[in-house]
Structure formats: structure tokens, C-alpha cells
Protein backbone atom coordinates (compact mmCIF):
# COMPACT_ATOMS: atom_id res chain seq x y z
CA MET A 1 74.11 -34.60 107.95
CA LYS A 2 73.83 -32.08 110.78
CA GLN A 3 73.14 -28.41 110.30
CA VAL A 4 76.31 -26.34 110.58
CA PHE A 5 75.62 -22.77 111.66
CA SER A 6 77.72 -19.95 110.25
CA THR A 7 77.55 -17.98 113.51
CA PHE A 8 77.20 -18.92 117.17
CA GLN A 9 74.40 -16.38 117.53
CA GLU A 10 72.27 -18.30 115.02
CA ALA A 11 72.93 -21.56 116.85
CA VAL A 12 71.43 -20.29 120.14
CA GLN A 13 68.89 -17.70 118.96
CA ASP A 14 65.85 -19.87 119.73
CA ILE A 15 66.77 -20.59 123.36
CA PRO A 16 63.86 -19.03 125.29
CA ASP A 17 63.63 -17.31 128.65
CA GLY A 18 63.31 -19.81 131.48
CA ALA A 19 65.04 -22.64 129.63
CA THR A 20 67.10 -25.31 131.41
CA LEU A 21 70.62 -25.66 129.98
CA MET A 22 73.46 -28.09 130.56
CA VAL A 23 76.82 -26.48 129.87
CA GLY A 24 79.96 -28.59 129.55
CA GLY A 25 83.32 -27.83 131.10
CA PHE A 26 85.31 -28.17 134.29
CA GLY A 27 86.67 -24.86 135.51
CA LEU A 28 87.46 -23.19 132.19
CA CYS A 29 88.57 -26.44 130.55
CA GLY A 30 86.30 -27.65 127.76
CA ILE A 31 83.70 -24.91 128.06
CA PRO A 32 81.69 -23.85 124.96
CA GLU A 33 82.98 -20.30 125.34
CA ASN A 34 81.68 -18.91 122.05
CA LEU A 35 78.19 -20.34 122.58
CA ILE A 36 78.12 -18.77 126.05
CA LYS A 37 79.15 -15.37 124.66
CA ALA A 38 76.50 -15.64 121.96
CA LEU A 39 73.90 -16.54 124.57
CA ALA A 40 74.85 -13.44 126.57
CA GLU A 41 74.25 -11.29 123.50
CA THR A 42 70.71 -12.63 123.03
CA GLY A 43 69.65 -11.23 126.40
CA VAL A 44 67.80 -14.43 127.31
CA LYS A 45 67.03 -14.54 131.05
CA ASP A 46 65.73 -16.66 133.94
CA LEU A 47 67.93 -19.57 132.89
CA THR A 48 68.51 -22.69 134.97
CA ILE A 49 72.08 -23.80 134.33
CA ILE A 50 73.40 -27.28 135.10
CA SER A 51 77.20 -27.17 135.10
CA ASN A 52 80.04 -28.30 137.34
CA ASN A 53 80.81 -24.68 138.23
CA CYS A 54 80.05 -21.18 136.95
CA GLY A 55 83.22 -20.04 135.22
CA VAL A 56 85.07 -17.04 136.61
CA ASP A 57 83.95 -13.45 137.06
CA ASP A 58 84.70 -12.32 133.51
CA TRP A 59 84.66 -15.52 131.46
CA GLY A 60 82.57 -18.56 130.73
CA LEU A 61 79.27 -18.77 132.58
CA GLY A 62 80.49 -15.88 134.73
CA ILE A 63 79.44 -13.60 131.84
CA LEU A 64 75.82 -14.75 132.08
CA LEU A 65 75.95 -14.49 135.86
CA LYS A 66 77.21 -10.89 135.69
CA ASN A 67 74.39 -10.03 133.27
CA LYS A 68 71.81 -11.47 135.72
CA GLN A 69 70.66 -13.96 133.07
CA ILE A 70 70.85 -16.98 135.39
CA LYS A 71 68.04 -17.68 137.85
CA LYS A 72 69.33 -20.97 139.24
CA MET A 73 72.63 -22.87 139.22
CA ILE A 74 72.83 -26.63 139.74
CA SER A 75 76.53 -27.22 140.40
CA SER A 76 79.08 -29.00 142.52
CA TYR A 77 81.64 -26.22 142.94
CA VAL A 78 81.46 -22.45 143.44
CA GLY A 79 85.08 -22.12 142.33
CA GLU A 80 86.92 -18.83 141.84
CA ASN A 81 83.79 -16.83 140.99
CA LYS A 82 83.26 -14.06 143.55
CA GLU A 83 80.05 -12.89 141.84
CA PHE A 84 78.65 -16.41 142.19
CA GLU A 85 79.38 -16.27 145.91
CA ARG A 86 77.92 -12.77 146.26
CA GLN A 87 74.67 -13.58 144.43
CA ALA A 88 74.24 -16.86 146.31
CA LEU A 89 74.73 -15.28 149.74
CA SER A 90 72.47 -12.33 148.93
CA GLY A 91 69.66 -14.57 147.71
CA GLU A 92 69.76 -13.17 144.16
CA LEU A 93 70.71 -16.58 142.78
CA GLU A 94 69.15 -19.93 143.63
CA VAL A 95 71.89 -22.53 144.06
CA GLU A 96 71.61 -26.30 144.34
CA LEU A 97 74.95 -27.83 145.29
CA ILE A 98 75.41 -31.52 144.50
CA PRO A 99 78.43 -33.78 145.20
CA GLN A 100 80.47 -33.90 142.00
CA GLY A 101 80.18 -37.63 141.44
CA THR A 102 76.45 -37.52 142.09
CA LEU A 103 76.06 -34.62 139.65
CA ALA A 104 77.89 -36.59 136.96
CA GLU A 105 75.74 -39.66 137.56
CA LYS A 106 72.50 -37.65 137.57
CA ILE A 107 73.41 -36.31 134.13
CA ARG A 108 74.55 -39.70 132.84
CA ALA A 109 71.35 -41.30 134.08
CA GLY A 110 69.28 -38.62 132.38
CA GLY A 111 70.97 -39.33 129.07
CA ALA A 112 70.50 -43.09 129.54
CA GLY A 113 66.79 -42.81 130.30
CA ILE A 114 67.22 -43.89 133.93
CA PRO A 115 64.84 -41.83 136.10
CA ALA A 116 66.62 -42.22 139.45
CA PHE A 117 69.26 -44.16 141.36
CA TYR A 118 70.49 -44.75 144.91
CA THR A 119 73.84 -43.45 146.15
CA PRO A 120 75.54 -43.38 149.58
CA ALA A 121 76.89 -39.86 148.93
CA GLY A 122 75.14 -37.29 151.10
CA VAL A 123 73.40 -39.70 153.49
CA GLY A 124 73.05 -38.13 156.92
CA THR A 125 73.68 -34.60 155.65
CA MET A 126 71.45 -31.69 154.63
CA LEU A 127 71.82 -32.89 151.03
CA ALA A 128 69.56 -35.83 151.84
CA GLU A 129 66.82 -33.78 153.48
CA GLY A 130 63.43 -34.47 151.94
CA LYS A 131 64.75 -37.39 149.87
CA GLU A 132 63.99 -41.07 150.20
CA VAL A 133 66.64 -43.07 152.09
CA ARG A 134 66.74 -46.87 151.93
CA THR A 135 69.01 -49.51 153.40
CA PHE A 136 70.69 -52.09 151.19
CA ARG A 137 72.96 -54.70 152.77
CA ARG A 138 73.05 -52.75 156.05
CA LYS A 139 74.14 -49.52 154.35
CA LYS A 140 71.99 -46.42 153.78
CA TYR A 141 71.51 -44.88 150.34
CA VAL A 142 69.69 -41.73 149.22
CA LEU A 143 67.52 -41.63 146.11
CA GLU A 144 68.68 -39.10 143.51
CA GLU A 145 66.64 -38.20 140.44
CA ALA A 146 68.22 -37.92 137.00
CA LEU A 147 68.80 -34.59 135.25
CA THR A 148 67.90 -33.60 131.70
CA ALA A 149 67.86 -30.25 129.92
CA ASP A 150 66.06 -28.38 127.17
CA PHE A 151 69.41 -27.59 125.57
CA SER A 152 72.97 -28.86 126.09
CA LEU A 153 75.89 -26.64 125.07
CA VAL A 154 79.07 -28.66 124.64
CA CYS A 155 82.56 -28.10 123.28
CA ALA A 156 84.51 -30.60 121.18
CA ALA A 157 87.83 -30.58 119.39
CA LYS A 158 86.48 -32.02 116.16
CA ALA A 159 83.25 -33.18 114.54
CA ASP A 160 82.26 -34.83 111.31
CA ARG A 161 79.25 -33.90 109.17
CA MET A 162 77.13 -36.53 110.92
CA GLY A 163 77.63 -34.80 114.27
CA ASN A 164 80.00 -37.35 115.79
CA LEU A 165 82.33 -35.64 118.26
CA THR A 166 85.80 -36.16 119.67
CA TYR A 167 87.24 -34.27 122.63
CA ASN A 168 90.77 -33.28 123.51
CA LYS A 169 92.06 -35.06 126.62
CA THR A 170 90.63 -33.59 129.87
CA ALA A 171 88.44 -31.16 127.90
CA GLN A 172 86.15 -34.18 127.58
CA ASN A 173 85.01 -33.90 131.24
CA PHE A 174 81.19 -33.40 131.46
CA ASN A 175 80.66 -32.83 127.73
CA PRO A 176 79.79 -36.38 126.54
CA MET A 177 77.19 -37.08 129.22
CA MET A 178 75.62 -33.65 128.80
CA ALA A 179 75.41 -34.15 125.05
CA ALA A 180 73.31 -37.25 125.71
CA ALA A 181 71.04 -35.59 128.29
CA GLY A 182 69.87 -32.54 126.33
CA ASN A 183 66.75 -32.46 124.17
CA ILE A 184 68.70 -30.29 121.73
CA THR A 185 72.49 -30.47 121.83
CA ILE A 186 74.53 -27.68 120.27
CA ALA A 187 78.21 -28.52 119.81
CA GLU A 188 80.90 -25.89 119.46
CA VAL A 189 83.81 -27.43 117.56
CA GLU A 190 87.22 -26.26 116.42
CA LYS A 191 87.05 -28.05 113.09
CA ILE A 192 84.98 -30.40 110.97
CA GLY A 193 86.47 -33.32 109.09
CA GLU A 194 86.57 -37.08 108.88
CA LEU A 195 86.65 -39.11 112.09
CA HIS A 196 87.80 -42.68 112.50
CA PRO A 197 85.20 -44.74 114.40
CA ASN A 198 87.71 -45.36 117.20
CA GLU A 199 88.06 -41.58 117.73
CA ILE A 200 84.40 -40.93 118.43
CA HIS A 201 83.46 -40.04 122.00
CA THR A 202 79.92 -38.75 121.37
CA PRO A 203 77.81 -40.42 118.63
CA GLY A 204 76.11 -38.00 116.27
CA ILE A 205 72.67 -39.28 117.31
CA TYR A 206 72.96 -37.03 120.37
CA VAL A 207 73.93 -33.88 118.45
CA GLN A 208 71.49 -31.64 116.57
CA ARG A 209 73.58 -28.54 115.76
CA LEU A 210 77.21 -27.70 115.02
CA ALA A 211 79.03 -24.35 115.09
CA ILE A 212 82.70 -23.87 114.23
CA GLY A 213 85.00 -21.36 115.90
CA LYS A 214 88.36 -20.59 117.44
CA LEU A 215 88.71 -21.01 121.21
CA GLU A 216 90.73 -18.76 123.52
CA LYS A 217 91.14 -21.58 126.06
CA ARG A 218 91.84 -19.33 129.03
CA ILE A 219 93.45 -20.78 132.15
CA GLU A 220 91.51 -20.36 135.38
CA ARG A 221 94.56 -19.88 137.57
CA LEU A 222 97.86 -19.47 135.75
CA THR A 223 100.93 -20.61 137.69
CA THR A 224 104.37 -20.32 136.15
CA ARG A 225 107.81 -21.34 137.32
CA LYS A 226 110.47 -18.69 137.79
CA THR A 227 113.53 -19.12 135.60
CA GLY A 228 117.14 -18.13 136.07
């Protein structure tokens, strides 16, 4: 049985200054929005965040960015966040941009206990500077090290009491691999109940804490069709 926290604040209260966090989501889809808000309220600072992008200016990880709680972002996409761009260009924020597929594999490898791997992505570019490059079968590959985190914050549609998780469609995105790569994984879920074994995306062995809450599920860029 996993511990179920009554508030999101309690679930993140022991995250210290300078911690490295993986945060699930793609754009605003599948982000642990309540855990992020709770983290902002703690005032924790100097965080290194590993996430595909950094939310938008007023939502998701953009809240932490606005509060100057993030020291470094490891991401693949700046996205629609103007504050991200401003802080990166001014030197206020350290940014490590990684090709999206490489970022996903670095996280997956970290969760699988694989220390490093070779990939052709980035060979011959500034992304490969200072990294080992080897040739296999007449093709060059760059060595990329795996990523892990002190804490992983993920969002799931449903959990059971053992911490098994299931995600809703594309909200799955980076969440399962990040759940496996964090020393302590905190899962924000919409409800807790029974799960059929075939439903499970993340085994409970990877999850240490659960917190239940309602999600706003904002849309990053809303486009509607005119009627009439």
C-alpha cells in the first residue's frame, strides 16, 4: 500500500533547495499541475528541472520559472513561454537543450539502469561538443549519458492502492519513463480504485507517493472553428 497524501503541499514539502526534478507532460498535456502549484507555494529554489518544455507563462512549470525557483532547465523545446526565452537569453536561467528523442531515451535509460548509450542524433553539431563520438558500421554516433532525478512528479488518470498507474491517451507522454527514473516518484492522480492488470502503464514499484485532485487540463493554444 502506498501513502496517499491528503494535500499536494504535504506530498512535496520535503523537496529541498537544489534538488533535481523530472516533471511529466508535453506542452500542458499530462502535467502534474497541482504538484507544481504546491511546489511553488513551498518557495523551494535553485531547482534543476528535466522536462520536455517549461509550460507557458502563467501555468505549469511557467509558474516556477516566474518565481525564479528554477536554476536550470534540461528540455527539448522552449515552446510558447516568453519568460523562458527571456531568462535564457539574459543568462538568468541555465538551459540544456536536447533533441526530443534523445531526451526521452536518456530518461528511459536512467530508469532502466543503463548509464549511457550511443545515438546518431546531434553528431556534427554543437550538441556533440565535448562528448565521445565513435564510428559503428561506417556511421558516427555520439555518447549520451542517462538521466535520473531526486524526485519525479508525474500525472496519471487513475491509480490503485499499490501505486500502479494508468494514463489517459496522449497524457501518457513522458510520465511512465520519468516515474521509473526518479529516486522518489510522486504521482498526482484523478482517482484511486481497482485496476485490471492490462490497464497498468506504470507498475507501483516505481511510485512512492500518491495525491488525489481535480485537474484543470488547460489547452496551450486553443483553436476553434467558426460556425454559421
